Amino acid sequence: MLSVYNLQGQIVATLVNGKLSAGSHEISFDANGLTSGVYFAHLDADGNSYTIKMSLLK
């Protein structure tokens, strides 16, 4: 699962919900409905979790 969260921990977008085949993938994220600020992208894959911090500037 690949999701985007706001600073309050609320999911603002779910970009992938399910399994993808092995290999590289590119996912587009439309942030038009979001305000400027800090967000986190969280990926759960094969029992591992990864989180990155993102800044949205408009």
Protein backbone atom coordinates (compact mmCIF):
# COMPACT_ATOMS: atom_id res chain seq x y z
CA MET A 1 0.00 0.00 0.00
CA LEU A 2 1.21 3.50 -0.83
CA SER A 3 -0.53 6.34 1.00
CA VAL A 4 -0.02 10.04 1.65
CA TYR A 5 -0.66 11.43 5.14
CA ASN A 6 -0.91 14.95 6.56
CA LEU A 7 0.78 16.10 9.79
CA GLN A 8 -2.26 14.98 11.82
CA GLY A 9 -1.78 11.41 10.57
CA GLN A 10 -4.88 11.46 8.36
CA ILE A 11 -4.74 9.72 4.99
CA VAL A 12 -5.19 12.35 2.27
CA ALA A 13 -4.59 9.98 -0.67
CA THR A 14 -4.21 6.26 -1.30
CA LEU A 15 -2.10 5.85 -4.42
CA VAL A 16 -1.77 2.05 -4.48
CA ASN A 17 -3.95 -0.40 -2.59
CA GLY A 18 -2.80 -3.91 -3.39
CA LYS A 19 0.13 -5.79 -4.78
CA LEU A 20 2.08 -4.87 -7.89
CA SER A 21 4.41 -7.10 -9.87
CA ALA A 22 8.12 -7.01 -9.03
CA GLY A 23 10.10 -4.25 -10.71
CA SER A 24 9.99 -0.50 -11.09
CA HIS A 25 6.72 1.42 -11.07
CA GLU A 26 5.80 5.07 -11.51
CA ILE A 27 2.75 6.49 -9.72
CA SER A 28 1.34 9.98 -10.39
CA PHE A 29 0.04 12.05 -7.48
CA ASP A 30 -2.33 14.98 -8.08
CA ALA A 31 -2.03 17.34 -5.09
CA ASN A 32 -4.38 20.02 -6.45
CA GLY A 33 -6.86 19.54 -3.60
CA LEU A 34 -4.21 19.92 -0.88
CA THR A 35 -2.87 23.03 0.79
CA SER A 36 0.81 23.92 1.06
CA GLY A 37 2.49 22.10 3.91
CA VAL A 38 4.30 18.96 5.01
CA TYR A 39 3.05 15.50 4.03
CA PHE A 40 4.37 11.97 4.39
CA ALA A 41 4.35 9.19 1.79
CA HIS A 42 4.23 5.76 3.42
CA LEU A 43 4.90 2.51 1.56
CA ASP A 44 4.32 -1.00 2.95
CA ALA A 45 6.00 -3.63 0.79
CA ASP A 46 6.87 -7.26 1.53
CA GLY A 47 6.81 -6.76 5.30
CA ASN A 48 8.93 -3.58 5.14
CA SER A 49 7.76 -0.02 5.74
CA TYR A 50 9.22 3.13 4.25
CA THR A 51 8.21 6.74 4.96
CA ILE A 52 9.44 9.92 3.31
CA LYS A 53 8.70 13.52 4.20
CA MET A 54 7.44 15.80 1.42
CA SER A 55 6.94 19.56 1.25
CA LEU A 56 4.15 20.90 -0.94
CA LEU A 57 4.57 24.50 -2.03
CA LYS A 58 1.92 26.29 -4.05
